[in-house]
PDB file of N, CA and C in Angstrom:
ATOM      1  N   MET A   1     -47.080  54.773  45.187  1.00  0.00           N
ATOM      2  CA  MET A   1     -48.330  55.311  45.657  1.00  0.00           C
ATOM      3  C   MET A   1     -49.376  55.134  44.592  1.00  0.00           C
ATOM      4  N   LYS A   2     -50.511  54.593  44.986  1.00  0.00           N
ATOM      5  CA  LYS A   2     -51.638  54.387  44.085  1.00  0.00           C
ATOM      6  C   LYS A   2     -52.244  55.740  43.733  1.00  0.00           C
ATOM      7  N   LYS A   3     -52.415  55.981  42.492  1.00  0.00           N
ATOM      8  CA  LYS A   3     -52.920  57.272  41.999  1.00  0.00           C
ATOM      9  C   LYS A   3     -54.417  57.352  42.320  1.00  0.00           C
ATOM     10  N   ALA A   4     -54.840  58.458  42.955  1.00  0.00           N
ATOM     11  CA  ALA A   4     -56.231  58.643  43.299  1.00  0.00           C
ATOM     12  C   ALA A   4     -57.027  59.014  42.068  1.00  0.00           C
ATOM     13  N   ASP A   5     -58.280  58.692  42.100  1.00  0.00           N
ATOM     14  CA  ASP A   5     -59.213  59.061  41.031  1.00  0.00           C
ATOM     15  C   ASP A   5     -59.201  60.596  40.902  1.00  0.00           C
ATOM     16  N   PRO A   6     -58.927  61.127  39.670  1.00  0.00           N
ATOM     17  CA  PRO A   6     -58.836  62.586  39.515  1.00  0.00           C
ATOM     18  C   PRO A   6     -60.095  63.359  39.956  1.00  0.00           C
ATOM     19  N   SER A   7     -61.231  62.763  39.750  1.00  0.00           N
ATOM     20  CA  SER A   7     -62.463  63.470  40.202  1.00  0.00           C
ATOM     21  C   SER A   7     -62.559  63.534  41.697  1.00  0.00           C
ATOM     22  N   LEU A   8     -62.049  62.499  42.387  1.00  0.00           N
ATOM     23  CA  LEU A   8     -62.025  62.494  43.868  1.00  0.00           C
ATOM     24  C   LEU A   8     -61.047  63.578  44.348  1.00  0.00           C
ATOM     25  N   VAL A   9     -59.882  63.677  43.679  1.00  0.00           N
ATOM     26  CA  VAL A   9     -58.896  64.697  44.089  1.00  0.00           C
ATOM     27  C   VAL A   9     -59.494  66.080  43.899  1.00  0.00           C
ATOM     28  N   THR A  10     -60.157  66.346  42.765  1.00  0.00           N
ATOM     29  CA  THR A  10     -60.765  67.640  42.515  1.00  0.00           C
ATOM     30  C   THR A  10     -61.866  67.937  43.554  1.00  0.00           C
ATOM     31  N   ARG A  11     -62.714  66.971  43.784  1.00  0.00           N
ATOM     32  CA  ARG A  11     -63.808  67.166  44.746  1.00  0.00           C
ATOM     33  C   ARG A  11     -63.284  67.416  46.150  1.00  0.00           C
ATOM     34  N   SER A  12     -62.238  66.639  46.546  1.00  0.00           N
ATOM     35  CA  SER A  12     -61.643  66.845  47.879  1.00  0.00           C
ATOM     36  C   SER A  12     -60.969  68.190  48.015  1.00  0.00           C
ATOM     37  N   ALA A  13     -60.251  68.617  46.953  1.00  0.00           N
ATOM     38  CA  ALA A  13     -59.642  69.938  46.965  1.00  0.00           C
ATOM     39  C   ALA A  13     -60.665  71.058  47.132  1.00  0.00           C
ATOM     40  N   SER A  14     -61.770  70.935  46.434  1.00  0.00           N
ATOM     41  CA  SER A  14     -62.834  71.942  46.559  1.00  0.00           C
ATOM     42  C   SER A  14     -63.388  71.975  47.951  1.00  0.00           C
ATOM     43  N   ARG A  15     -63.574  70.791  48.539  1.00  0.00           N
ATOM     44  CA  ARG A  15     -64.141  70.729  49.922  1.00  0.00           C
ATOM     45  C   ARG A  15     -63.140  71.269  50.944  1.00  0.00           C
ATOM     46  N   PHE A  16     -61.866  70.937  50.795  1.00  0.00           N
ATOM     47  CA  PHE A  16     -60.870  71.494  51.710  1.00  0.00           C
ATOM     48  C   PHE A  16     -60.786  73.011  51.594  1.00  0.00           C
ATOM     49  N   SER A  17     -60.881  73.491  50.342  1.00  0.00           N
ATOM     50  CA  SER A  17     -60.884  74.922  50.133  1.00  0.00           C
ATOM     51  C   SER A  17     -62.024  75.633  50.821  1.00  0.00           C
ATOM     52  N   ALA A  18     -63.195  75.031  50.695  1.00  0.00           N
ATOM     53  CA  ALA A  18     -64.399  75.571  51.320  1.00  0.00           C
ATOM     54  C   ALA A  18     -64.225  75.585  52.852  1.00  0.00           C
ATOM     55  N   LEU A  19     -63.637  74.558  53.396  1.00  0.00           N
ATOM     56  CA  LEU A  19     -63.455  74.467  54.847  1.00  0.00           C
ATOM     57  C   LEU A  19     -62.316  75.338  55.332  1.00  0.00           C
ATOM     58  N   GLY A  20     -61.575  75.943  54.420  1.00  0.00           N
ATOM     59  CA  GLY A  20     -60.468  76.800  54.784  1.00  0.00           C
ATOM     60  C   GLY A  20     -60.903  78.164  55.335  1.00  0.00           C
ATOM     61  N   ALA A  21     -62.184  78.463  55.187  1.00  0.00           N
ATOM     62  CA  ALA A  21     -62.748  79.712  55.746  1.00  0.00           C
ATOM     63  C   ALA A  21     -63.304  79.385  57.133  1.00  0.00           C
ATOM     64  N   GLU A  22     -62.821  80.099  58.121  1.00  0.00           N
ATOM     65  CA  GLU A  22     -63.202  79.798  59.502  1.00  0.00           C
ATOM     66  C   GLU A  22     -64.710  79.772  59.750  1.00  0.00           C
ATOM     67  N   PRO A  23     -65.509  80.711  59.177  1.00  0.00           N
ATOM     68  CA  PRO A  23     -66.959  80.624  59.406  1.00  0.00           C
ATOM     69  C   PRO A  23     -67.565  79.327  58.857  1.00  0.00           C
ATOM     70  N   ARG A  24     -67.062  78.893  57.718  1.00  0.00           N
ATOM     71  CA  ARG A  24     -67.629  77.679  57.113  1.00  0.00           C
ATOM     72  C   ARG A  24     -67.286  76.462  57.985  1.00  0.00           C
ATOM     73  N   LEU A  25     -66.096  76.420  58.507  1.00  0.00           N
ATOM     74  CA  LEU A  25     -65.705  75.309  59.391  1.00  0.00           C
ATOM     75  C   LEU A  25     -66.603  75.322  60.641  1.00  0.00           C
ATOM     76  N   GLN A  26     -66.841  76.497  61.175  1.00  0.00           N
ATOM     77  CA  GLN A  26     -67.702  76.619  62.364  1.00  0.00           C
ATOM     78  C   GLN A  26     -69.148  76.192  62.017  1.00  0.00           C
ATOM     79  N   ILE A  27     -69.649  76.596  60.880  1.00  0.00           N
ATOM     80  CA  ILE A  27     -70.978  76.222  60.461  1.00  0.00           C
ATOM     81  C   ILE A  27     -71.092  74.715  60.310  1.00  0.00           C
ATOM     82  N   LEU A  28     -70.113  74.105  59.701  1.00  0.00           N
ATOM     83  CA  LEU A  28     -70.140  72.635  59.541  1.00  0.00           C
ATOM     84  C   LEU A  28     -70.130  71.930  60.884  1.00  0.00           C
ATOM     85  N   ARG A  29     -69.333  72.461  61.814  1.00  0.00           N
ATOM     86  CA  ARG A  29     -69.306  71.846  63.173  1.00  0.00           C
ATOM     87  C   ARG A  29     -70.658  72.000  63.850  1.00  0.00           C
ATOM     88  N   LEU A  30     -71.313  73.131  63.669  1.00  0.00           N
ATOM     89  CA  LEU A  30     -72.651  73.338  64.237  1.00  0.00           C
ATOM     90  C   LEU A  30     -73.614  72.308  63.641  1.00  0.00           C
ATOM     91  N   LEU A  31     -73.554  72.165  62.332  1.00  0.00           N
ATOM     92  CA  LEU A  31     -74.492  71.250  61.680  1.00  0.00           C
ATOM     93  C   LEU A  31     -74.203  69.802  62.070  1.00  0.00           C
ATOM     94  N   LEU A  32     -72.958  69.477  62.291  1.00  0.00           N
ATOM     95  CA  LEU A  32     -72.658  68.118  62.760  1.00  0.00           C
ATOM     96  C   LEU A  32     -73.188  67.911  64.144  1.00  0.00           C
ATOM     97  N   ALA A  33     -73.113  68.922  65.023  1.00  0.00           N
ATOM     98  CA  ALA A  33     -73.656  68.803  66.373  1.00  0.00           C
ATOM     99  C   ALA A  33     -75.174  68.652  66.338  1.00  0.00           C
ATOM    100  N   ALA A  34     -75.814  69.158  65.281  1.00  0.00           N
ATOM    101  CA  ALA A  34     -77.285  69.074  65.171  1.00  0.00           C
ATOM    102  C   ALA A  34     -77.699  67.869  64.313  1.00  0.00           C
ATOM    103  N   HIS A  35     -76.750  67.065  63.955  1.00  0.00           N
ATOM    104  CA  HIS A  35     -77.046  65.888  63.102  1.00  0.00           C
ATOM    105  C   HIS A  35     -77.945  64.889  63.812  1.00  0.00           C
ATOM    106  N   PRO A  36     -78.893  64.283  63.191  1.00  0.00           N
ATOM    107  CA  PRO A  36     -79.203  64.312  61.778  1.00  0.00           C
ATOM    108  C   PRO A  36     -80.250  65.386  61.381  1.00  0.00           C
ATOM    109  N   GLU A  37     -80.871  65.996  62.393  1.00  0.00           N
ATOM    110  CA  GLU A  37     -81.957  66.969  62.065  1.00  0.00           C
ATOM    111  C   GLU A  37     -81.470  68.204  61.311  1.00  0.00           C
ATOM    112  N   GLY A  38     -80.266  68.671  61.641  1.00  0.00           N
ATOM    113  CA  GLY A  38     -79.768  69.887  61.047  1.00  0.00           C
ATOM    114  C   GLY A  38     -80.382  71.107  61.710  1.00  0.00           C
ATOM    115  N   MET A  39     -80.232  72.240  61.086  1.00  0.00           N
ATOM    116  CA  MET A  39     -80.700  73.496  61.682  1.00  0.00           C
ATOM    117  C   MET A  39     -81.311  74.342  60.572  1.00  0.00           C
ATOM    118  N   VAL A  40     -82.328  75.134  60.896  1.00  0.00           N
ATOM    119  CA  VAL A  40     -82.786  76.119  59.926  1.00  0.00           C
ATOM    120  C   VAL A  40     -81.829  77.278  59.908  1.00  0.00           C
ATOM    121  N   ALA A  41     -81.825  77.979  58.825  1.00  0.00           N
ATOM    122  CA  ALA A  41     -80.826  79.061  58.610  1.00  0.00           C
ATOM    123  C   ALA A  41     -80.850  80.072  59.749  1.00  0.00           C
ATOM    124  N   GLY A  42     -82.003  80.424  60.243  1.00  0.00           N
ATOM    125  CA  GLY A  42     -82.108  81.354  61.366  1.00  0.00           C
ATOM    126  C   GLY A  42     -81.432  80.897  62.609  1.00  0.00           C
ATOM    127  N   GLU A  43     -81.512  79.611  62.886  1.00  0.00           N
ATOM    128  CA  GLU A  43     -80.823  79.052  64.052  1.00  0.00           C
ATOM    129  C   GLU A  43     -79.321  79.107  63.911  1.00  0.00           C
ATOM    130  N   VAL A  44     -78.830  78.819  62.703  1.00  0.00           N
ATOM    131  CA  VAL A  44     -77.407  78.919  62.442  1.00  0.00           C
ATOM    132  C   VAL A  44     -76.963  80.367  62.575  1.00  0.00           C
ATOM    133  N   GLN A  45     -77.745  81.292  62.027  1.00  0.00           N
ATOM    134  CA  GLN A  45     -77.426  82.709  62.095  1.00  0.00           C
ATOM    135  C   GLN A  45     -77.357  83.198  63.584  1.00  0.00           C
ATOM    136  N   GLU A  46     -78.315  82.770  64.329  1.00  0.00           N
ATOM    137  CA  GLU A  46     -78.362  83.143  65.756  1.00  0.00           C
ATOM    138  C   GLU A  46     -77.129  82.611  66.490  1.00  0.00           C
ATOM    139  N   GLU A  47     -76.787  81.372  66.219  1.00  0.00           N
ATOM    140  CA  GLU A  47     -75.627  80.756  66.863  1.00  0.00           C
ATOM    141  C   GLU A  47     -74.306  81.408  66.419  1.00  0.00           C
ATOM    142  N   MET A  48     -74.181  81.757  65.128  1.00  0.00           N
ATOM    143  CA  MET A  48     -72.983  82.319  64.596  1.00  0.00           C
ATOM    144  C   MET A  48     -72.872  83.806  64.849  1.00  0.00           C
ATOM    145  N   GLY A  49     -74.000  84.496  64.927  1.00  0.00           N
ATOM    146  CA  GLY A  49     -73.956  85.951  65.122  1.00  0.00           C
ATOM    147  C   GLY A  49     -73.406  86.703  63.918  1.00  0.00           C
ATOM    148  N   ILE A  50     -73.747  86.267  62.717  1.00  0.00           N
ATOM    149  CA  ILE A  50     -73.304  86.956  61.522  1.00  0.00           C
ATOM    150  C   ILE A  50     -74.531  87.397  60.715  1.00  0.00           C
ATOM    151  N   PRO A  51     -74.378  88.389  59.844  1.00  0.00           N
ATOM    152  CA  PRO A  51     -75.496  88.849  59.013  1.00  0.00           C
ATOM    153  C   PRO A  51     -76.021  87.723  58.119  1.00  0.00           C
ATOM    154  N   ALA A  52     -77.311  87.788  57.854  1.00  0.00           N
ATOM    155  CA  ALA A  52     -77.962  86.779  56.984  1.00  0.00           C
ATOM    156  C   ALA A  52     -77.309  86.645  55.656  1.00  0.00           C
ATOM    157  N   SER A  53     -76.917  87.741  55.040  1.00  0.00           N
ATOM    158  CA  SER A  53     -76.299  87.661  53.679  1.00  0.00           C
ATOM    159  C   SER A  53     -74.968  86.960  53.716  1.00  0.00           C
ATOM    160  N   THR A  54     -74.201  87.194  54.780  1.00  0.00           N
ATOM    161  CA  THR A  54     -72.918  86.511  54.978  1.00  0.00           C
ATOM    162  C   THR A  54     -73.129  85.009  55.198  1.00  0.00           C
ATOM    163  N   LEU A  55     -74.060  84.709  56.059  1.00  0.00           N
ATOM    164  CA  LEU A  55     -74.374  83.282  56.288  1.00  0.00           C
ATOM    165  C   LEU A  55     -74.833  82.614  55.003  1.00  0.00           C
ATOM    166  N   SER A  56     -75.713  83.273  54.256  1.00  0.00           N
ATOM    167  CA  SER A  56     -76.196  82.682  53.040  1.00  0.00           C
ATOM    168  C   SER A  56     -75.047  82.361  52.070  1.00  0.00           C
ATOM    169  N   HIS A  57     -74.070  83.256  51.981  1.00  0.00           N
ATOM    170  CA  HIS A  57     -72.905  83.027  51.148  1.00  0.00           C
ATOM    171  C   HIS A  57     -72.133  81.783  51.590  1.00  0.00           C
ATOM    172  N   HIS A  58     -71.896  81.648  52.863  1.00  0.00           N
ATOM    173  CA  HIS A  58     -71.166  80.514  53.401  1.00  0.00           C
ATOM    174  C   HIS A  58     -71.918  79.179  53.237  1.00  0.00           C
ATOM    175  N   LEU A  59     -73.204  79.211  53.501  1.00  0.00           N
ATOM    176  CA  LEU A  59     -74.016  78.020  53.315  1.00  0.00           C
ATOM    177  C   LEU A  59     -74.064  77.574  51.865  1.00  0.00           C
ATOM    178  N   GLU A  60     -74.159  78.547  50.976  1.00  0.00           N
ATOM    179  CA  GLU A  60     -74.202  78.230  49.561  1.00  0.00           C
ATOM    180  C   GLU A  60     -72.906  77.576  49.110  1.00  0.00           C
ATOM    181  N   LYS A  61     -71.774  78.098  49.584  1.00  0.00           N
ATOM    182  CA  LYS A  61     -70.474  77.491  49.238  1.00  0.00           C
ATOM    183  C   LYS A  61     -70.376  76.052  49.754  1.00  0.00           C
ATOM    184  N   LEU A  62     -70.825  75.827  50.995  1.00  0.00           N
ATOM    185  CA  LEU A  62     -70.781  74.487  51.540  1.00  0.00           C
ATOM    186  C   LEU A  62     -71.696  73.532  50.734  1.00  0.00           C
ATOM    187  N   LYS A  63     -72.829  74.069  50.331  1.00  0.00           N
ATOM    188  CA  LYS A  63     -73.769  73.280  49.527  1.00  0.00           C
ATOM    189  C   LYS A  63     -73.162  72.958  48.168  1.00  0.00           C
ATOM    190  N   GLN A  64     -72.529  73.963  47.543  1.00  0.00           N
ATOM    191  CA  GLN A  64     -71.923  73.762  46.207  1.00  0.00           C
ATOM    192  C   GLN A  64     -70.908  72.649  46.195  1.00  0.00           C
ATOM    193  N   VAL A  65     -70.090  72.533  47.266  1.00  0.00           N
ATOM    194  CA  VAL A  65     -69.060  71.506  47.297  1.00  0.00           C
ATOM    195  C   VAL A  65     -69.571  70.210  47.839  1.00  0.00           C
ATOM    196  N   GLY A  66     -70.866  70.156  48.229  1.00  0.00           N
ATOM    197  CA  GLY A  66     -71.482  68.907  48.644  1.00  0.00           C
ATOM    198  C   GLY A  66     -71.281  68.547  50.123  1.00  0.00           C
ATOM    199  N   LEU A  67     -70.856  69.513  50.939  1.00  0.00           N
ATOM    200  CA  LEU A  67     -70.680  69.193  52.352  1.00  0.00           C
ATOM    201  C   LEU A  67     -71.972  69.399  53.192  1.00  0.00           C
ATOM    202  N   VAL A  68     -72.902  70.104  52.593  1.00  0.00           N
ATOM    203  CA  VAL A  68     -74.140  70.420  53.263  1.00  0.00           C
ATOM    204  C   VAL A  68     -75.326  70.118  52.350  1.00  0.00           C
ATOM    205  N   LYS A  69     -76.385  69.589  52.914  1.00  0.00           N
ATOM    206  CA  LYS A  69     -77.647  69.343  52.189  1.00  0.00           C
ATOM    207  C   LYS A  69     -78.640  70.371  52.717  1.00  0.00           C
ATOM    208  N   VAL A  70     -79.577  70.734  51.873  1.00  0.00           N
ATOM    209  CA  VAL A  70     -80.605  71.691  52.250  1.00  0.00           C
ATOM    210  C   VAL A  70     -81.981  71.160  51.822  1.00  0.00           C
ATOM    211  N   ARG A  71     -82.979  71.407  52.656  1.00  0.00           N
ATOM    212  CA  ARG A  71     -84.330  71.043  52.291  1.00  0.00           C
ATOM    213  C   ARG A  71     -85.266  72.166  52.749  1.00  0.00           C
ATOM    214  N   ARG A  72     -86.305  72.377  51.940  1.00  0.00           N
ATOM    215  CA  ARG A  72     -87.256  73.405  52.282  1.00  0.00           C
ATOM    216  C   ARG A  72     -88.339  72.845  53.218  1.00  0.00           C
ATOM    217  N   GLU A  73     -88.646  73.590  54.274  1.00  0.00           N
ATOM    218  CA  GLU A  73     -89.728  73.275  55.191  1.00  0.00           C
ATOM    219  C   GLU A  73     -90.592  74.514  55.293  1.00  0.00           C
ATOM    220  N   SER A  74     -91.647  74.524  54.519  1.00  0.00           N
ATOM    221  CA  SER A  74     -92.551  75.659  54.467  1.00  0.00           C
ATOM    222  C   SER A  74     -91.762  76.862  53.943  1.00  0.00           C
ATOM    223  N   THR A  75     -91.579  77.874  54.780  1.00  0.00           N
ATOM    224  CA  THR A  75     -90.819  79.071  54.361  1.00  0.00           C
ATOM    225  C   THR A  75     -89.377  79.029  54.872  1.00  0.00           C
ATOM    226  N   PHE A  76     -88.984  77.965  55.485  1.00  0.00           N
ATOM    227  CA  PHE A  76     -87.653  77.850  56.070  1.00  0.00           C
ATOM    228  C   PHE A  76     -86.752  76.920  55.252  1.00  0.00           C
ATOM    229  N   LEU A  77     -85.467  77.145  55.320  1.00  0.00           N
ATOM    230  CA  LEU A  77     -84.490  76.228  54.729  1.00  0.00           C
ATOM    231  C   LEU A  77     -83.761  75.515  55.890  1.00  0.00           C
ATOM    232  N   ARG A  78     -83.768  74.200  55.854  1.00  0.00           N
ATOM    233  CA  ARG A  78     -83.074  73.408  56.887  1.00  0.00           C
ATOM    234  C   ARG A  78     -81.821  72.832  56.260  1.00  0.00           C
ATOM    235  N   TYR A  79     -80.699  73.122  56.960  1.00  0.00           N
ATOM    236  CA  TYR A  79     -79.396  72.662  56.480  1.00  0.00           C
ATOM    237  C   TYR A  79     -78.907  71.520  57.383  1.00  0.00           C
ATOM    238  N   ALA A  80     -78.279  70.571  56.760  1.00  0.00           N
ATOM    239  CA  ALA A  80     -77.655  69.443  57.507  1.00  0.00           C
ATOM    240  C   ALA A  80     -76.319  69.081  56.865  1.00  0.00           C
ATOM    241  N   ALA A  81     -75.415  68.655  57.661  1.00  0.00           N
ATOM    242  CA  ALA A  81     -74.124  68.153  57.182  1.00  0.00           C
ATOM    243  C   ALA A  81     -74.336  66.922  56.356  1.00  0.00           C
ATOM    244  N   ASP A  82     -73.619  66.801  55.274  1.00  0.00           N
ATOM    245  CA  ASP A  82     -73.698  65.588  54.448  1.00  0.00           C
ATOM    246  C   ASP A  82     -72.603  64.675  54.904  1.00  0.00           C
ATOM    247  N   THR A  83     -72.968  63.732  55.769  1.00  0.00           N
ATOM    248  CA  THR A  83     -71.985  62.849  56.399  1.00  0.00           C
ATOM    249  C   THR A  83     -71.283  61.918  55.390  1.00  0.00           C
ATOM    250  N   ASP A  84     -71.955  61.599  54.293  1.00  0.00           N
ATOM    251  CA  ASP A  84     -71.323  60.762  53.266  1.00  0.00           C
ATOM    252  C   ASP A  84     -70.192  61.519  52.644  1.00  0.00           C
ATOM    253  N   ALA A  85     -70.369  62.804  52.384  1.00  0.00           N
ATOM    254  CA  ALA A  85     -69.311  63.667  51.806  1.00  0.00           C
ATOM    255  C   ALA A  85     -68.171  63.786  52.781  1.00  0.00           C
ATOM    256  N   LEU A  86     -68.465  63.976  54.052  1.00  0.00           N
ATOM    257  CA  LEU A  86     -67.412  64.061  55.095  1.00  0.00           C
ATOM    258  C   LEU A  86     -66.659  62.783  55.191  1.00  0.00           C
ATOM    259  N   ARG A  87     -67.336  61.699  55.114  1.00  0.00           N
ATOM    260  CA  ARG A  87     -66.704  60.370  55.179  1.00  0.00           C
ATOM    261  C   ARG A  87     -65.722  60.232  54.001  1.00  0.00           C
ATOM    262  N   GLU A  88     -66.145  60.699  52.834  1.00  0.00           N
ATOM    263  CA  GLU A  88     -65.293  60.635  51.642  1.00  0.00           C
ATOM    264  C   GLU A  88     -64.017  61.461  51.827  1.00  0.00           C
ATOM    265  N   VAL A  89     -64.152  62.676  52.397  1.00  0.00           N
ATOM    266  CA  VAL A  89     -63.025  63.543  52.632  1.00  0.00           C
ATOM    267  C   VAL A  89     -62.063  62.875  53.636  1.00  0.00           C
ATOM    268  N   MET A  90     -62.639  62.336  54.706  1.00  0.00           N
ATOM    269  CA  MET A  90     -61.772  61.717  55.722  1.00  0.00           C
ATOM    270  C   MET A  90     -61.097  60.457  55.160  1.00  0.00           C
ATOM    271  N   THR A  91     -61.792  59.679  54.384  1.00  0.00           N
ATOM    272  CA  THR A  91     -61.198  58.527  53.764  1.00  0.00           C
ATOM    273  C   THR A  91     -60.084  58.898  52.794  1.00  0.00           C
ATOM    274  N   PHE A  92     -60.300  59.992  52.076  1.00  0.00           N
ATOM    275  CA  PHE A  92     -59.267  60.479  51.171  1.00  0.00           C
ATOM    276  C   PHE A  92     -57.944  60.696  51.873  1.00  0.00           C
ATOM    277  N   LEU A  93     -57.974  61.322  53.052  1.00  0.00           N
ATOM    278  CA  LEU A  93     -56.794  61.545  53.823  1.00  0.00           C
ATOM    279  C   LEU A  93     -56.301  60.245  54.502  1.00  0.00           C
ATOM    280  N   TYR A  94     -57.198  59.494  55.041  1.00  0.00           N
ATOM    281  CA  TYR A  94     -56.889  58.284  55.780  1.00  0.00           C
ATOM    282  C   TYR A  94     -56.122  57.265  54.929  1.00  0.00           C
ATOM    283  N   GLU A  95     -56.526  57.171  53.674  1.00  0.00           N
ATOM    284  CA  GLU A  95     -55.896  56.136  52.831  1.00  0.00           C
ATOM    285  C   GLU A  95     -54.399  56.218  52.790  1.00  0.00           C
ATOM    286  N   GLU A  96     -53.850  57.395  52.711  1.00  0.00           N
ATOM    287  CA  GLU A  96     -52.390  57.514  52.661  1.00  0.00           C
ATOM    288  C   GLU A  96     -51.729  57.658  54.033  1.00  0.00           C
ATOM    289  N   CYS A  97     -52.318  58.444  54.915  1.00  0.00           N
ATOM    290  CA  CYS A  97     -51.642  58.709  56.148  1.00  0.00           C
ATOM    291  C   CYS A  97     -51.699  57.538  57.159  1.00  0.00           C
ATOM    292  N   CYS A  98     -52.713  56.728  57.046  1.00  0.00           N
ATOM    293  CA  CYS A  98     -52.936  55.741  58.098  1.00  0.00           C
ATOM    294  C   CYS A  98     -52.954  54.298  57.616  1.00  0.00           C
ATOM    295  N   THR A  99     -52.819  54.072  56.352  1.00  0.00           N
ATOM    296  CA  THR A  99     -52.838  52.711  55.865  1.00  0.00           C
ATOM    297  C   THR A  99     -51.462  52.346  55.286  1.00  0.00           C
ATOM    298  N   ARG A 100     -51.241  52.727  54.069  1.00  0.00           N
ATOM    299  CA  ARG A 100     -50.019  52.275  53.398  1.00  0.00           C
ATOM    300  C   ARG A 100     -48.762  52.903  54.033  1.00  0.00           C
ATOM    301  N   SER A 101     -48.734  54.203  54.284  1.00  0.00           N
ATOM    302  CA  SER A 101     -47.531  54.841  54.773  1.00  0.00           C
ATOM    303  C   SER A 101     -47.384  54.804  56.285  1.00  0.00           C
ATOM    304  N   ARG A 102     -48.504  54.577  56.989  1.00  0.00           N
ATOM    305  CA  ARG A 102     -48.499  54.492  58.452  1.00  0.00           C
ATOM    306  C   ARG A 102     -47.916  55.770  59.101  1.00  0.00           C
ATOM    307  N   ALA A 103     -48.048  56.930  58.434  1.00  0.00           N
ATOM    308  CA  ALA A 103     -47.572  58.186  59.004  1.00  0.00           C
ATOM    309  C   ALA A 103     -48.281  58.499  60.305  1.00  0.00           C
ATOM    310  N   VAL A 104     -49.517  58.109  60.414  1.00  0.00           N
ATOM    311  CA  VAL A 104     -50.286  58.240  61.650  1.00  0.00           C
ATOM    312  C   VAL A 104     -50.888  56.884  61.939  1.00  0.00           C
ATOM    313  N   ALA A 105     -50.748  56.441  63.180  1.00  0.00           N
ATOM    314  CA  ALA A 105     -51.308  55.152  63.562  1.00  0.00           C
ATOM    315  C   ALA A 105     -52.845  55.219  63.499  1.00  0.00           C
ATOM    316  N   PRO A 106     -53.498  54.194  62.947  1.00  0.00           N
ATOM    317  CA  PRO A 106     -54.964  54.245  62.878  1.00  0.00           C
ATOM    318  C   PRO A 106     -55.615  54.453  64.226  1.00  0.00           C
ATOM    319  N   GLU A 107     -54.982  53.938  65.293  1.00  0.00           N
ATOM    320  CA  GLU A 107     -55.558  54.134  66.613  1.00  0.00           C
ATOM    321  C   GLU A 107     -55.582  55.579  67.022  1.00  0.00           C
ATOM    322  N   ALA A 108     -54.622  56.364  66.553  1.00  0.00           N
ATOM    323  CA  ALA A 108     -54.581  57.779  66.880  1.00  0.00           C
ATOM    324  C   ALA A 108     -55.783  58.506  66.219  1.00  0.00           C
ATOM    325  N   VAL A 109     -56.168  58.089  65.047  1.00  0.00           N
ATOM    326  CA  VAL A 109     -57.319  58.733  64.392  1.00  0.00           C
ATOM    327  C   VAL A 109     -58.571  58.436  65.182  1.00  0.00           C
ATOM    328  N   VAL A 110     -58.726  57.226  65.663  1.00  0.00           N
ATOM    329  CA  VAL A 110     -59.875  56.887  66.469  1.00  0.00           C
ATOM    330  C   VAL A 110     -59.882  57.668  67.767  1.00  0.00           C
ATOM    331  N   GLN A 111     -58.725  57.871  68.363  1.00  0.00           N
ATOM    332  CA  GLN A 111     -58.654  58.624  69.618  1.00  0.00           C
ATOM    333  C   GLN A 111     -59.025  60.087  69.372  1.00  0.00           C
ATOM    334  N   ILE A 112     -58.620  60.664  68.241  1.00  0.00           N
ATOM    335  CA  ILE A 112     -58.952  62.049  67.927  1.00  0.00           C
ATOM    336  C   ILE A 112     -60.447  62.247  67.832  1.00  0.00           C
ATOM    337  N   SER A 113     -61.161  61.258  67.305  1.00  0.00           N
ATOM    338  CA  SER A 113     -62.579  61.426  67.098  1.00  0.00           C
ATOM    339  C   SER A 113     -63.401  61.189  68.336  1.00  0.00           C
ATOM    340  N   ARG A 114     -62.806  60.810  69.414  1.00  0.00           N
ATOM    341  CA  ARG A 114     -63.581  60.550  70.636  1.00  0.00           C
ATOM    342  C   ARG A 114     -63.809  61.778  71.429  1.00  0.00           C
TER     343      ARG A 114
END
């Protein structure tokens, strides 16, 4: 097995850990559905039905691990999924499961994403 870059392993572990919280996974799915525009925090809060402080905590964690980008628009913060980071996470898994070891057929991964 080819040894993965240690910084990639660390980054991926942090991202998987962040996605291990159900609200964060739901938030990321919402932001992916709103891609590429993203959503302002109030829209995410309305959709999720959670307190602003709780949402802020989850968004900050996703931002810290690089899964979410944020930009200021006047008095609002607009959040968007970082698709480059998601691609890196998916590639990290895909490299072993679907290429060298063939544990999962590449065609199955494509079917999952449809």
